[in-house]
């Protein structure tokens, strides 16, 4: 199976972060190789490169957060995403996750107040 893992990693590196299968391939590799630390930077880079409105952004972020709660880089990525994607249907999932783990974060409170003031009425949250 090592050759399949190598092939899949090379596939992740060689494809744009918005490719529909990227998240699926990454998740399968994580399940098959949970101790493979080479996969973590691939996901961080993907989050940095992926457009905020892409539907899989939150899934990759939350998967990383489960493994690395309160990680400063993930917190920062979460803050940036919340500010950039207020209309995303999963906005509250990221905000709630951050709020549960960092309830005294003043930046998160500011982002939440701004969202409440400007969220589209059809958001449904």
PDB file of N, CA and C in Angstrom:
ATOM      1  N   UNK A   1       0.786  -1.212   0.000  1.00  0.00           N
ATOM      2  CA  UNK A   1       0.000   0.000   0.000  1.00  0.00           C
ATOM      3  C   UNK A   1       0.831   1.281   0.000  1.00  0.00           C
ATOM      4  N   UNK A   2       2.118   1.226   0.321  1.00  0.00           N
ATOM      5  CA  UNK A   2       2.885   2.473   0.327  1.00  0.00           C
ATOM      6  C   UNK A   2       2.873   3.183  -1.019  1.00  0.00           C
ATOM      7  N   UNK A   3       2.875   2.413  -2.121  1.00  0.00           N
ATOM      8  CA  UNK A   3       2.865   3.060  -3.429  1.00  0.00           C
ATOM      9  C   UNK A   3       1.547   3.788  -3.682  1.00  0.00           C
ATOM     10  N   UNK A   4       0.432   3.242  -3.152  1.00  0.00           N
ATOM     11  CA  UNK A   4      -0.855   3.936  -3.282  1.00  0.00           C
ATOM     12  C   UNK A   4      -0.860   5.229  -2.473  1.00  0.00           C
ATOM     13  N   UNK A   5      -0.267   5.177  -1.291  1.00  0.00           N
ATOM     14  CA  UNK A   5      -0.187   6.368  -0.451  1.00  0.00           C
ATOM     15  C   UNK A   5       0.649   7.442  -1.137  1.00  0.00           C
ATOM     16  N   UNK A   6       1.778   7.034  -1.686  1.00  0.00           N
ATOM     17  CA  UNK A   6       2.640   7.984  -2.403  1.00  0.00           C
ATOM     18  C   UNK A   6       1.904   8.575  -3.597  1.00  0.00           C
ATOM     19  N   UNK A   7       1.205   7.729  -4.349  1.00  0.00           N
ATOM     20  CA  UNK A   7       0.449   8.208  -5.499  1.00  0.00           C
ATOM     21  C   UNK A   7      -0.604   9.226  -5.058  1.00  0.00           C
ATOM     22  N   UNK A   8      -1.333   8.911  -3.987  1.00  0.00           N
ATOM     23  CA  UNK A   8      -2.394   9.808  -3.511  1.00  0.00           C
ATOM     24  C   UNK A   8      -1.825  11.138  -3.006  1.00  0.00           C
ATOM     25  N   UNK A   9      -0.698  11.092  -2.304  1.00  0.00           N
ATOM     26  CA  UNK A   9      -0.062  12.332  -1.842  1.00  0.00           C
ATOM     27  C   UNK A   9       0.379  13.189  -3.026  1.00  0.00           C
ATOM     28  N   UNK A  10       0.975  12.540  -4.004  1.00  0.00           N
ATOM     29  CA  UNK A  10       1.393  13.280  -5.201  1.00  0.00           C
ATOM     30  C   UNK A  10       0.188  13.877  -5.920  1.00  0.00           C
ATOM     31  N   UNK A  11      -0.915  13.147  -5.908  1.00  0.00           N
ATOM     32  CA  UNK A  11      -2.134  13.665  -6.524  1.00  0.00           C
ATOM     33  C   UNK A  11      -2.584  14.931  -5.795  1.00  0.00           C
ATOM     34  N   UNK A  12      -2.577  14.899  -4.468  1.00  0.00           N
ATOM     35  CA  UNK A  12      -2.986  16.077  -3.688  1.00  0.00           C
ATOM     36  C   UNK A  12      -2.118  17.287  -4.010  1.00  0.00           C
ATOM     37  N   UNK A  13      -0.817  17.060  -4.073  1.00  0.00           N
ATOM     38  CA  UNK A  13       0.117  18.158  -4.342  1.00  0.00           C
ATOM     39  C   UNK A  13      -0.086  18.701  -5.754  1.00  0.00           C
ATOM     40  N   UNK A  14      -0.407  17.822  -6.691  1.00  0.00           N
ATOM     41  CA  UNK A  14      -0.484  18.229  -8.082  1.00  0.00           C
ATOM     42  C   UNK A  14      -1.809  18.796  -8.541  1.00  0.00           C
ATOM     43  N   UNK A  15      -2.815  18.794  -7.679  1.00  0.00           N
ATOM     44  CA  UNK A  15      -4.130  19.283  -8.085  1.00  0.00           C
ATOM     45  C   UNK A  15      -4.497  20.563  -7.344  1.00  0.00           C
ATOM     46  N   UNK A  16      -5.249  21.373  -8.016  1.00  0.00           N
ATOM     47  CA  UNK A  16      -5.708  22.634  -7.426  1.00  0.00           C
ATOM     48  C   UNK A  16      -6.539  22.344  -6.180  1.00  0.00           C
ATOM     49  N   UNK A  17      -6.468  23.230  -5.189  1.00  0.00           N
ATOM     50  CA  UNK A  17      -7.203  22.979  -3.945  1.00  0.00           C
ATOM     51  C   UNK A  17      -8.718  22.956  -4.112  1.00  0.00           C
ATOM     52  N   UNK A  18      -9.230  23.524  -5.211  1.00  0.00           N
ATOM     53  CA  UNK A  18     -10.679  23.533  -5.386  1.00  0.00           C
ATOM     54  C   UNK A  18     -11.200  22.311  -6.147  1.00  0.00           C
ATOM     55  N   UNK A  19     -10.304  21.376  -6.476  1.00  0.00           N
ATOM     56  CA  UNK A  19     -10.726  20.149  -7.143  1.00  0.00           C
ATOM     57  C   UNK A  19     -11.716  19.420  -6.232  1.00  0.00           C
ATOM     58  N   UNK A  20     -12.810  18.941  -6.810  1.00  0.00           N
ATOM     59  CA  UNK A  20     -13.869  18.307  -6.027  1.00  0.00           C
ATOM     60  C   UNK A  20     -13.458  17.084  -5.238  1.00  0.00           C
ATOM     61  N   UNK A  21     -12.432  16.377  -5.696  1.00  0.00           N
ATOM     62  CA  UNK A  21     -11.989  15.164  -5.009  1.00  0.00           C
ATOM     63  C   UNK A  21     -10.897  15.416  -3.976  1.00  0.00           C
ATOM     64  N   UNK A  22     -10.360  16.621  -3.901  1.00  0.00           N
ATOM     65  CA  UNK A  22      -9.233  16.894  -3.014  1.00  0.00           C
ATOM     66  C   UNK A  22      -9.555  16.510  -1.572  1.00  0.00           C
ATOM     67  N   UNK A  23     -10.660  17.009  -1.066  1.00  0.00           N
ATOM     68  CA  UNK A  23     -11.056  16.736   0.324  1.00  0.00           C
ATOM     69  C   UNK A  23     -11.227  15.240   0.558  1.00  0.00           C
ATOM     70  N   UNK A  24     -11.820  14.544  -0.391  1.00  0.00           N
ATOM     71  CA  UNK A  24     -12.088  13.114  -0.240  1.00  0.00           C
ATOM     72  C   UNK A  24     -10.783  12.329  -0.200  1.00  0.00           C
ATOM     73  N   UNK A  25      -9.873  12.628  -1.105  1.00  0.00           N
ATOM     74  CA  UNK A  25      -8.579  11.926  -1.125  1.00  0.00           C
ATOM     75  C   UNK A  25      -7.818  12.196   0.171  1.00  0.00           C
ATOM     76  N   UNK A  26      -7.813  13.463   0.613  1.00  0.00           N
ATOM     77  CA  UNK A  26      -7.107  13.810   1.846  1.00  0.00           C
ATOM     78  C   UNK A  26      -7.708  13.062   3.041  1.00  0.00           C
ATOM     79  N   UNK A  27      -9.042  13.037   3.131  1.00  0.00           N
ATOM     80  CA  UNK A  27      -9.693  12.350   4.250  1.00  0.00           C
ATOM     81  C   UNK A  27      -9.400  10.849   4.239  1.00  0.00           C
ATOM     82  N   UNK A  28      -9.416  10.245   3.060  1.00  0.00           N
ATOM     83  CA  UNK A  28      -9.093   8.814   2.978  1.00  0.00           C
ATOM     84  C   UNK A  28      -7.657   8.534   3.415  1.00  0.00           C
ATOM     85  N   UNK A  29      -6.738   9.395   2.991  1.00  0.00           N
ATOM     86  CA  UNK A  29      -5.350   9.233   3.434  1.00  0.00           C
ATOM     87  C   UNK A  29      -5.227   9.386   4.942  1.00  0.00           C
ATOM     88  N   UNK A  30      -5.935  10.350   5.520  1.00  0.00           N
ATOM     89  CA  UNK A  30      -5.874  10.549   6.979  1.00  0.00           C
ATOM     90  C   UNK A  30      -6.407   9.333   7.722  1.00  0.00           C
ATOM     91  N   UNK A  31      -7.480   8.740   7.196  1.00  0.00           N
ATOM     92  CA  UNK A  31      -8.038   7.547   7.851  1.00  0.00           C
ATOM     93  C   UNK A  31      -7.079   6.372   7.745  1.00  0.00           C
ATOM     94  N   UNK A  32      -6.475   6.221   6.585  1.00  0.00           N
ATOM     95  CA  UNK A  32      -5.574   5.100   6.364  1.00  0.00           C
ATOM     96  C   UNK A  32      -4.233   5.297   7.063  1.00  0.00           C
ATOM     97  N   UNK A  33      -3.800   6.550   7.177  1.00  0.00           N
ATOM     98  CA  UNK A  33      -2.477   6.873   7.744  1.00  0.00           C
ATOM     99  C   UNK A  33      -2.612   7.986   8.781  1.00  0.00           C
ATOM    100  N   UNK A  34      -3.283   7.740   9.898  1.00  0.00           N
ATOM    101  CA  UNK A  34      -3.542   8.821  10.857  1.00  0.00           C
ATOM    102  C   UNK A  34      -2.283   9.447  11.460  1.00  0.00           C
ATOM    103  N   UNK A  35      -1.177   8.747  11.438  1.00  0.00           N
ATOM    104  CA  UNK A  35       0.061   9.283  12.011  1.00  0.00           C
ATOM    105  C   UNK A  35       0.951   9.972  10.977  1.00  0.00           C
ATOM    106  N   UNK A  36       0.496  10.047   9.746  1.00  0.00           N
ATOM    107  CA  UNK A  36       1.296  10.654   8.683  1.00  0.00           C
ATOM    108  C   UNK A  36       1.234  12.176   8.792  1.00  0.00           C
ATOM    109  N   UNK A  37       2.264  12.745   9.370  1.00  0.00           N
ATOM    110  CA  UNK A  37       2.301  14.188   9.596  1.00  0.00           C
ATOM    111  C   UNK A  37       2.525  14.998   8.327  1.00  0.00           C
ATOM    112  N   UNK A  38       2.901  14.346   7.223  1.00  0.00           N
ATOM    113  CA  UNK A  38       3.057  15.057   5.950  1.00  0.00           C
ATOM    114  C   UNK A  38       1.724  15.571   5.416  1.00  0.00           C
ATOM    115  N   UNK A  39       0.633  14.966   5.865  1.00  0.00           N
ATOM    116  CA  UNK A  39      -0.683  15.370   5.367  1.00  0.00           C
ATOM    117  C   UNK A  39      -1.174  16.674   5.993  1.00  0.00           C
ATOM    118  N   UNK A  40      -0.670  16.992   7.166  1.00  0.00           N
ATOM    119  CA  UNK A  40      -1.133  18.200   7.871  1.00  0.00           C
ATOM    120  C   UNK A  40      -0.782  19.476   7.102  1.00  0.00           C
ATOM    121  N   UNK A  41       0.474  19.678   6.706  1.00  0.00           N
ATOM    122  CA  UNK A  41       0.772  20.905   5.959  1.00  0.00           C
ATOM    123  C   UNK A  41       0.030  20.995   4.631  1.00  0.00           C
ATOM    124  N   UNK A  42      -0.272  19.862   4.013  1.00  0.00           N
ATOM    125  CA  UNK A  42      -1.057  19.896   2.778  1.00  0.00           C
ATOM    126  C   UNK A  42      -2.426  20.516   3.036  1.00  0.00           C
ATOM    127  N   UNK A  43      -3.029  20.144   4.154  1.00  0.00           N
ATOM    128  CA  UNK A  43      -4.349  20.691   4.482  1.00  0.00           C
ATOM    129  C   UNK A  43      -4.268  22.170   4.849  1.00  0.00           C
ATOM    130  N   UNK A  44      -3.260  22.553   5.611  1.00  0.00           N
ATOM    131  CA  UNK A  44      -3.091  23.974   5.962  1.00  0.00           C
ATOM    132  C   UNK A  44      -2.930  24.812   4.691  1.00  0.00           C
ATOM    133  N   UNK A  45      -2.094  24.332   3.774  1.00  0.00           N
ATOM    134  CA  UNK A  45      -1.893  25.062   2.520  1.00  0.00           C
ATOM    135  C   UNK A  45      -3.185  25.147   1.717  1.00  0.00           C
ATOM    136  N   UNK A  46      -3.938  24.081   1.732  1.00  0.00           N
ATOM    137  CA  UNK A  46      -5.206  24.084   1.004  1.00  0.00           C
ATOM    138  C   UNK A  46      -6.140  25.137   1.567  1.00  0.00           C
ATOM    139  N   UNK A  47      -6.240  25.204   2.876  1.00  0.00           N
ATOM    140  CA  UNK A  47      -7.118  26.201   3.492  1.00  0.00           C
ATOM    141  C   UNK A  47      -6.683  27.623   3.130  1.00  0.00           C
ATOM    142  N   UNK A  48      -5.392  27.831   3.074  1.00  0.00           N
ATOM    143  CA  UNK A  48      -4.890  29.164   2.715  1.00  0.00           C
ATOM    144  C   UNK A  48      -5.194  29.513   1.258  1.00  0.00           C
ATOM    145  N   UNK A  49      -5.166  28.516   0.381  1.00  0.00           N
ATOM    146  CA  UNK A  49      -5.318  28.742  -1.055  1.00  0.00           C
ATOM    147  C   UNK A  49      -6.758  28.658  -1.554  1.00  0.00           C
ATOM    148  N   UNK A  50      -7.612  28.013  -0.799  1.00  0.00           N
ATOM    149  CA  UNK A  50      -8.971  27.760  -1.260  1.00  0.00           C
ATOM    150  C   UNK A  50      -9.857  28.988  -1.079  1.00  0.00           C
ATOM    151  N   UNK A  51     -10.695  29.252  -2.054  1.00  0.00           N
ATOM    152  CA  UNK A  51     -11.637  30.370  -1.947  1.00  0.00           C
ATOM    153  C   UNK A  51     -12.561  30.133  -0.750  1.00  0.00           C
ATOM    154  N   UNK A  52     -12.833  31.174   0.043  1.00  0.00           N
ATOM    155  CA  UNK A  52     -13.646  31.011   1.252  1.00  0.00           C
ATOM    156  C   UNK A  52     -15.032  30.419   1.000  1.00  0.00           C
ATOM    157  N   UNK A  53     -15.589  30.684  -0.171  1.00  0.00           N
ATOM    158  CA  UNK A  53     -16.946  30.179  -0.434  1.00  0.00           C
ATOM    159  C   UNK A  53     -16.978  28.707  -0.859  1.00  0.00           C
ATOM    160  N   UNK A  54     -15.805  28.097  -1.033  1.00  0.00           N
ATOM    161  CA  UNK A  54     -15.782  26.684  -1.438  1.00  0.00           C
ATOM    162  C   UNK A  54     -16.411  25.831  -0.346  1.00  0.00           C
ATOM    163  N   UNK A  55     -17.280  24.925  -0.765  1.00  0.00           N
ATOM    164  CA  UNK A  55     -18.057  24.155   0.208  1.00  0.00           C
ATOM    165  C   UNK A  55     -17.228  23.255   1.121  1.00  0.00           C
ATOM    166  N   UNK A  56     -16.049  22.826   0.698  1.00  0.00           N
ATOM    167  CA  UNK A  56     -15.294  21.893   1.531  1.00  0.00           C
ATOM    168  C   UNK A  56     -14.329  22.573   2.505  1.00  0.00           C
ATOM    169  N   UNK A  57     -14.202  23.893   2.462  1.00  0.00           N
ATOM    170  CA  UNK A  57     -13.278  24.594   3.353  1.00  0.00           C
ATOM    171  C   UNK A  57     -13.554  24.226   4.802  1.00  0.00           C
ATOM    172  N   UNK A  58     -14.799  24.303   5.206  1.00  0.00           N
ATOM    173  CA  UNK A  58     -15.132  24.069   6.616  1.00  0.00           C
ATOM    174  C   UNK A  58     -14.861  22.639   7.043  1.00  0.00           C
ATOM    175  N   UNK A  59     -15.047  21.683   6.136  1.00  0.00           N
ATOM    176  CA  UNK A  59     -14.834  20.282   6.502  1.00  0.00           C
ATOM    177  C   UNK A  59     -13.362  19.988   6.787  1.00  0.00           C
ATOM    178  N   UNK A  60     -12.497  20.512   5.954  1.00  0.00           N
ATOM    179  CA  UNK A  60     -11.062  20.307   6.182  1.00  0.00           C
ATOM    180  C   UNK A  60     -10.634  21.032   7.454  1.00  0.00           C
ATOM    181  N   UNK A  61     -11.107  22.271   7.639  1.00  0.00           N
ATOM    182  CA  UNK A  61     -10.746  23.038   8.827  1.00  0.00           C
ATOM    183  C   UNK A  61     -11.204  22.316  10.091  1.00  0.00           C
ATOM    184  N   UNK A  62     -12.451  21.837  10.105  1.00  0.00           N
ATOM    185  CA  UNK A  62     -12.961  21.168  11.304  1.00  0.00           C
ATOM    186  C   UNK A  62     -12.242  19.851  11.571  1.00  0.00           C
ATOM    187  N   UNK A  63     -11.858  19.154  10.530  1.00  0.00           N
ATOM    188  CA  UNK A  63     -11.094  17.921  10.718  1.00  0.00           C
ATOM    189  C   UNK A  63      -9.755  18.214  11.392  1.00  0.00           C
ATOM    190  N   UNK A  64      -9.079  19.259  10.937  1.00  0.00           N
ATOM    191  CA  UNK A  64      -7.819  19.661  11.568  1.00  0.00           C
ATOM    192  C   UNK A  64      -8.043  20.128  13.002  1.00  0.00           C
ATOM    193  N   UNK A  65      -9.109  20.896  13.222  1.00  0.00           N
ATOM    194  CA  UNK A  65      -9.384  21.440  14.554  1.00  0.00           C
ATOM    195  C   UNK A  65      -9.602  20.335  15.578  1.00  0.00           C
ATOM    196  N   UNK A  66     -10.242  19.236  15.159  1.00  0.00           N
ATOM    197  CA  UNK A  66     -10.465  18.110  16.081  1.00  0.00           C
ATOM    198  C   UNK A  66      -9.137  17.553  16.582  1.00  0.00           C
ATOM    199  N   UNK A  67      -8.142  17.568  15.719  1.00  0.00           N
ATOM    200  CA  UNK A  67      -6.821  17.049  16.086  1.00  0.00           C
ATOM    201  C   UNK A  67      -5.964  18.091  16.796  1.00  0.00           C
ATOM    202  N   UNK A  68      -6.207  19.360  16.485  1.00  0.00           N
ATOM    203  CA  UNK A  68      -5.344  20.437  16.974  1.00  0.00           C
ATOM    204  C   UNK A  68      -6.156  21.621  17.494  1.00  0.00           C
ATOM    205  N   UNK A  69      -7.025  21.381  18.486  1.00  0.00           N
ATOM    206  CA  UNK A  69      -7.821  22.505  18.988  1.00  0.00           C
ATOM    207  C   UNK A  69      -6.921  23.596  19.573  1.00  0.00           C
ATOM    208  N   UNK A  70      -7.329  24.803  19.351  1.00  0.00           N
ATOM    209  CA  UNK A  70      -6.624  25.998  19.835  1.00  0.00           C
ATOM    210  C   UNK A  70      -5.280  26.240  19.130  1.00  0.00           C
ATOM    211  N   UNK A  71      -5.036  25.539  18.049  1.00  0.00           N
ATOM    212  CA  UNK A  71      -3.819  25.783  17.287  1.00  0.00           C
ATOM    213  C   UNK A  71      -3.864  27.220  16.770  1.00  0.00           C
ATOM    214  N   UNK A  72      -2.827  28.028  17.030  1.00  0.00           N
ATOM    215  CA  UNK A  72      -2.859  29.439  16.622  1.00  0.00           C
ATOM    216  C   UNK A  72      -3.035  29.653  15.113  1.00  0.00           C
ATOM    217  N   UNK A  73      -2.399  28.808  14.308  1.00  0.00           N
ATOM    218  CA  UNK A  73      -2.560  28.953  12.857  1.00  0.00           C
ATOM    219  C   UNK A  73      -3.988  28.630  12.419  1.00  0.00           C
ATOM    220  N   UNK A  74      -4.563  27.590  12.988  1.00  0.00           N
ATOM    221  CA  UNK A  74      -5.949  27.245  12.650  1.00  0.00           C
ATOM    222  C   UNK A  74      -6.923  28.305  13.158  1.00  0.00           C
ATOM    223  N   UNK A  75      -6.641  28.830  14.341  1.00  0.00           N
ATOM    224  CA  UNK A  75      -7.487  29.909  14.862  1.00  0.00           C
ATOM    225  C   UNK A  75      -7.452  31.096  13.919  1.00  0.00           C
ATOM    226  N   UNK A  76      -6.264  31.473  13.493  1.00  0.00           N
ATOM    227  CA  UNK A  76      -6.112  32.589  12.566  1.00  0.00           C
ATOM    228  C   UNK A  76      -6.825  32.313  11.237  1.00  0.00           C
ATOM    229  N   UNK A  77      -6.662  31.098  10.705  1.00  0.00           N
ATOM    230  CA  UNK A  77      -7.358  30.741   9.467  1.00  0.00           C
ATOM    231  C   UNK A  77      -8.869  30.801   9.664  1.00  0.00           C
ATOM    232  N   UNK A  78      -9.336  30.339  10.812  1.00  0.00           N
ATOM    233  CA  UNK A  78     -10.771  30.402  11.109  1.00  0.00           C
ATOM    234  C   UNK A  78     -11.276  31.827  11.166  1.00  0.00           C
ATOM    235  N   UNK A  79     -10.532  32.702  11.834  1.00  0.00           N
ATOM    236  CA  UNK A  79     -10.919  34.119  11.904  1.00  0.00           C
ATOM    237  C   UNK A  79     -10.988  34.731  10.508  1.00  0.00           C
ATOM    238  N   UNK A  80      -9.966  34.472   9.702  1.00  0.00           N
ATOM    239  CA  UNK A  80      -9.940  35.033   8.342  1.00  0.00           C
ATOM    240  C   UNK A  80     -11.107  34.515   7.513  1.00  0.00           C
ATOM    241  N   UNK A  81     -11.391  33.227   7.648  1.00  0.00           N
ATOM    242  CA  UNK A  81     -12.496  32.648   6.879  1.00  0.00           C
ATOM    243  C   UNK A  81     -13.823  33.248   7.321  1.00  0.00           C
ATOM    244  N   UNK A  82     -14.032  33.367   8.630  1.00  0.00           N
ATOM    245  CA  UNK A  82     -15.284  33.947   9.126  1.00  0.00           C
ATOM    246  C   UNK A  82     -15.499  35.354   8.586  1.00  0.00           C
ATOM    247  N   UNK A  83     -14.432  36.134   8.537  1.00  0.00           N
ATOM    248  CA  UNK A  83     -14.535  37.502   8.023  1.00  0.00           C
ATOM    249  C   UNK A  83     -14.786  37.521   6.516  1.00  0.00           C
ATOM    250  N   UNK A  84     -14.279  36.519   5.805  1.00  0.00           N
ATOM    251  CA  UNK A  84     -14.368  36.521   4.342  1.00  0.00           C
ATOM    252  C   UNK A  84     -15.605  35.808   3.800  1.00  0.00           C
ATOM    253  N   UNK A  85     -16.278  35.000   4.609  1.00  0.00           N
ATOM    254  CA  UNK A  85     -17.375  34.167   4.095  1.00  0.00           C
ATOM    255  C   UNK A  85     -18.648  34.287   4.935  1.00  0.00           C
ATOM    256  N   UNK A  86     -19.133  35.506   5.197  1.00  0.00           N
ATOM    257  CA  UNK A  86     -20.290  35.637   6.094  1.00  0.00           C
ATOM    258  C   UNK A  86     -21.570  34.983   5.585  1.00  0.00           C
ATOM    259  N   UNK A  87     -21.701  34.775   4.293  1.00  0.00           N
ATOM    260  CA  UNK A  87     -22.919  34.176   3.752  1.00  0.00           C
ATOM    261  C   UNK A  87     -22.836  32.652   3.622  1.00  0.00           C
ATOM    262  N   UNK A  88     -21.663  32.071   3.926  1.00  0.00           N
ATOM    263  CA  UNK A  88     -21.495  30.621   3.787  1.00  0.00           C
ATOM    264  C   UNK A  88     -22.467  29.904   4.710  1.00  0.00           C
ATOM    265  N   UNK A  89     -23.113  28.859   4.205  1.00  0.00           N
ATOM    266  CA  UNK A  89     -24.133  28.160   4.990  1.00  0.00           C
ATOM    267  C   UNK A  89     -23.576  27.493   6.243  1.00  0.00           C
ATOM    268  N   UNK A  90     -22.273  27.235   6.292  1.00  0.00           N
ATOM    269  CA  UNK A  90     -21.674  26.605   7.469  1.00  0.00           C
ATOM    270  C   UNK A  90     -20.896  27.590   8.343  1.00  0.00           C
ATOM    271  N   UNK A  91     -21.130  28.883   8.155  1.00  0.00           N
ATOM    272  CA  UNK A  91     -20.433  29.913   8.916  1.00  0.00           C
ATOM    273  C   UNK A  91     -20.554  29.668  10.416  1.00  0.00           C
ATOM    274  N   UNK A  92     -21.774  29.395  10.866  1.00  0.00           N
ATOM    275  CA  UNK A  92     -21.981  29.225  12.311  1.00  0.00           C
ATOM    276  C   UNK A  92     -21.259  27.991  12.860  1.00  0.00           C
ATOM    277  N   UNK A  93     -21.011  26.995  12.021  1.00  0.00           N
ATOM    278  CA  UNK A  93     -20.293  25.806  12.502  1.00  0.00           C
ATOM    279  C   UNK A  93     -18.865  26.171  12.910  1.00  0.00           C
ATOM    280  N   UNK A  94     -18.200  26.952  12.085  1.00  0.00           N
ATOM    281  CA  UNK A  94     -16.824  27.366  12.405  1.00  0.00           C
ATOM    282  C   UNK A  94     -16.848  28.308  13.596  1.00  0.00           C
ATOM    283  N   UNK A  95     -17.773  29.264  13.599  1.00  0.00           N
ATOM    284  CA  UNK A  95     -17.842  30.221  14.697  1.00  0.00           C
ATOM    285  C   UNK A  95     -18.128  29.502  16.017  1.00  0.00           C
ATOM    286  N   UNK A  96     -19.091  28.585  16.017  1.00  0.00           N
ATOM    287  CA  UNK A  96     -19.422  27.843  17.245  1.00  0.00           C
ATOM    288  C   UNK A  96     -18.246  26.998  17.725  1.00  0.00           C
ATOM    289  N   UNK A  97     -17.549  26.371  16.810  1.00  0.00           N
ATOM    290  CA  UNK A  97     -16.386  25.556  17.188  1.00  0.00           C
ATOM    291  C   UNK A  97     -15.337  26.425  17.874  1.00  0.00           C
ATOM    292  N   UNK A  98     -15.029  27.552  17.263  1.00  0.00           N
ATOM    293  CA  UNK A  98     -14.042  28.461  17.864  1.00  0.00           C
ATOM    294  C   UNK A  98     -14.544  29.003  19.197  1.00  0.00           C
ATOM    295  N   UNK A  99     -15.812  29.344  19.256  1.00  0.00           N
ATOM    296  CA  UNK A  99     -16.378  29.932  20.470  1.00  0.00           C
ATOM    297  C   UNK A  99     -16.350  28.931  21.639  1.00  0.00           C
ATOM    298  N   UNK A 100     -16.630  27.669  21.345  1.00  0.00           N
ATOM    299  CA  UNK A 100     -16.601  26.646  22.401  1.00  0.00           C
ATOM    300  C   UNK A 100     -15.199  26.471  22.970  1.00  0.00           C
ATOM    301  N   UNK A 101     -14.198  26.528  22.111  1.00  0.00           N
ATOM    302  CA  UNK A 101     -12.828  26.271  22.559  1.00  0.00           C
ATOM    303  C   UNK A 101     -12.081  27.523  23.000  1.00  0.00           C
ATOM    304  N   UNK A 102     -12.514  28.683  22.526  1.00  0.00           N
ATOM    305  CA  UNK A 102     -11.854  29.941  22.896  1.00  0.00           C
ATOM    306  C   UNK A 102     -12.919  30.997  23.208  1.00  0.00           C
ATOM    307  N   UNK A 103     -13.724  30.767  24.258  1.00  0.00           N
ATOM    308  CA  UNK A 103     -14.863  31.655  24.525  1.00  0.00           C
ATOM    309  C   UNK A 103     -14.480  33.094  24.885  1.00  0.00           C
ATOM    310  N   UNK A 104     -13.281  33.324  25.332  1.00  0.00           N
ATOM    311  CA  UNK A 104     -12.870  34.676  25.734  1.00  0.00           C
ATOM    312  C   UNK A 104     -12.082  35.403  24.646  1.00  0.00           C
ATOM    313  N   UNK A 105     -12.149  34.928  23.429  1.00  0.00           N
ATOM    314  CA  UNK A 105     -11.404  35.521  22.325  1.00  0.00           C
ATOM    315  C   UNK A 105     -12.096  36.809  21.866  1.00  0.00           C
ATOM    316  N   UNK A 106     -11.495  37.975  22.121  1.00  0.00           N
ATOM    317  CA  UNK A 106     -12.149  39.238  21.752  1.00  0.00           C
ATOM    318  C   UNK A 106     -12.312  39.409  20.240  1.00  0.00           C
ATOM    319  N   UNK A 107     -11.382  38.882  19.460  1.00  0.00           N
ATOM    320  CA  UNK A 107     -11.507  38.977  18.003  1.00  0.00           C
ATOM    321  C   UNK A 107     -12.700  38.168  17.516  1.00  0.00           C
ATOM    322  N   UNK A 108     -12.905  37.013  18.106  1.00  0.00           N
ATOM    323  CA  UNK A 108     -14.046  36.183  17.736  1.00  0.00           C
ATOM    324  C   UNK A 108     -15.358  36.879  18.104  1.00  0.00           C
ATOM    325  N   UNK A 109     -15.387  37.518  19.253  1.00  0.00           N
ATOM    326  CA  UNK A 109     -16.587  38.265  19.657  1.00  0.00           C
ATOM    327  C   UNK A 109     -16.866  39.398  18.673  1.00  0.00           C
ATOM    328  N   UNK A 110     -15.821  40.092  18.251  1.00  0.00           N
ATOM    329  CA  UNK A 110     -15.995  41.181  17.288  1.00  0.00           C
ATOM    330  C   UNK A 110     -16.540  40.652  15.967  1.00  0.00           C
ATOM    331  N   UNK A 111     -15.988  39.534  15.486  1.00  0.00           N
ATOM    332  CA  UNK A 111     -16.447  38.927  14.243  1.00  0.00           C
ATOM    333  C   UNK A 111     -17.915  38.504  14.368  1.00  0.00           C
ATOM    334  N   UNK A 112     -18.270  37.947  15.507  1.00  0.00           N
ATOM    335  CA  UNK A 112     -19.655  37.525  15.733  1.00  0.00           C
ATOM    336  C   UNK A 112     -20.626  38.693  15.737  1.00  0.00           C
ATOM    337  N   UNK A 113     -20.243  39.786  16.380  1.00  0.00           N
ATOM    338  CA  UNK A 113     -21.111  40.977  16.385  1.00  0.00           C
ATOM    339  C   UNK A 113     -21.277  41.534  14.976  1.00  0.00           C
ATOM    340  N   UNK A 114     -20.180  41.555  14.234  1.00  0.00           N
ATOM    341  CA  UNK A 114     -20.248  42.051  12.862  1.00  0.00           C
ATOM    342  C   UNK A 114     -21.151  41.155  12.013  1.00  0.00           C
ATOM    343  N   UNK A 115     -21.034  39.860  12.202  1.00  0.00           N
ATOM    344  CA  UNK A 115     -21.876  38.937  11.440  1.00  0.00           C
ATOM    345  C   UNK A 115     -23.342  39.147  11.772  1.00  0.00           C
ATOM    346  N   UNK A 116     -23.660  39.291  13.059  1.00  0.00           N
ATOM    347  CA  UNK A 116     -25.054  39.515  13.444  1.00  0.00           C
ATOM    348  C   UNK A 116     -25.616  40.781  12.812  1.00  0.00           C
ATOM    349  N   UNK A 117     -24.788  41.784  12.682  1.00  0.00           N
ATOM    350  CA  UNK A 117     -25.239  43.055  12.110  1.00  0.00           C
ATOM    351  C   UNK A 117     -25.389  42.996  10.594  1.00  0.00           C
ATOM    352  N   UNK A 118     -24.691  42.081   9.944  1.00  0.00           N
ATOM    353  CA  UNK A 118     -24.671  42.102   8.473  1.00  0.00           C
ATOM    354  C   UNK A 118     -25.090  40.796   7.817  1.00  0.00           C
ATOM    355  N   UNK A 119     -25.395  39.760   8.568  1.00  0.00           N
ATOM    356  CA  UNK A 119     -25.726  38.457   7.969  1.00  0.00           C
ATOM    357  C   UNK A 119     -26.966  38.569   7.086  1.00  0.00           C
ATOM    358  N   UNK A 120     -26.928  37.914   5.962  1.00  0.00           N
ATOM    359  CA  UNK A 120     -28.097  37.935   5.089  1.00  0.00           C
ATOM    360  C   UNK A 120     -29.294  37.285   5.792  1.00  0.00           C
ATOM    361  N   UNK A 121     -30.475  37.882   5.678  1.00  0.00           N
ATOM    362  CA  UNK A 121     -31.650  37.321   6.356  1.00  0.00           C
ATOM    363  C   UNK A 121     -31.961  35.881   5.936  1.00  0.00           C
ATOM    364  N   UNK A 122     -31.605  35.520   4.721  1.00  0.00           N
ATOM    365  CA  UNK A 122     -31.894  34.171   4.233  1.00  0.00           C
ATOM    366  C   UNK A 122     -30.856  33.149   4.693  1.00  0.00           C
ATOM    367  N   UNK A 123     -29.902  33.567   5.523  1.00  0.00           N
ATOM    368  CA  UNK A 123     -28.847  32.645   5.963  1.00  0.00           C
ATOM    369  C   UNK A 123     -29.422  31.436   6.681  1.00  0.00           C
ATOM    370  N   UNK A 124     -30.419  31.634   7.504  1.00  0.00           N
ATOM    371  CA  UNK A 124     -31.077  30.508   8.163  1.00  0.00           C
ATOM    372  C   UNK A 124     -30.451  30.065   9.462  1.00  0.00           C
ATOM    373  N   UNK A 125     -29.497  30.783   9.964  1.00  0.00           N
ATOM    374  CA  UNK A 125     -28.882  30.400  11.243  1.00  0.00           C
ATOM    375  C   UNK A 125     -29.526  31.150  12.383  1.00  0.00           C
TER     376      UNK A 125
END
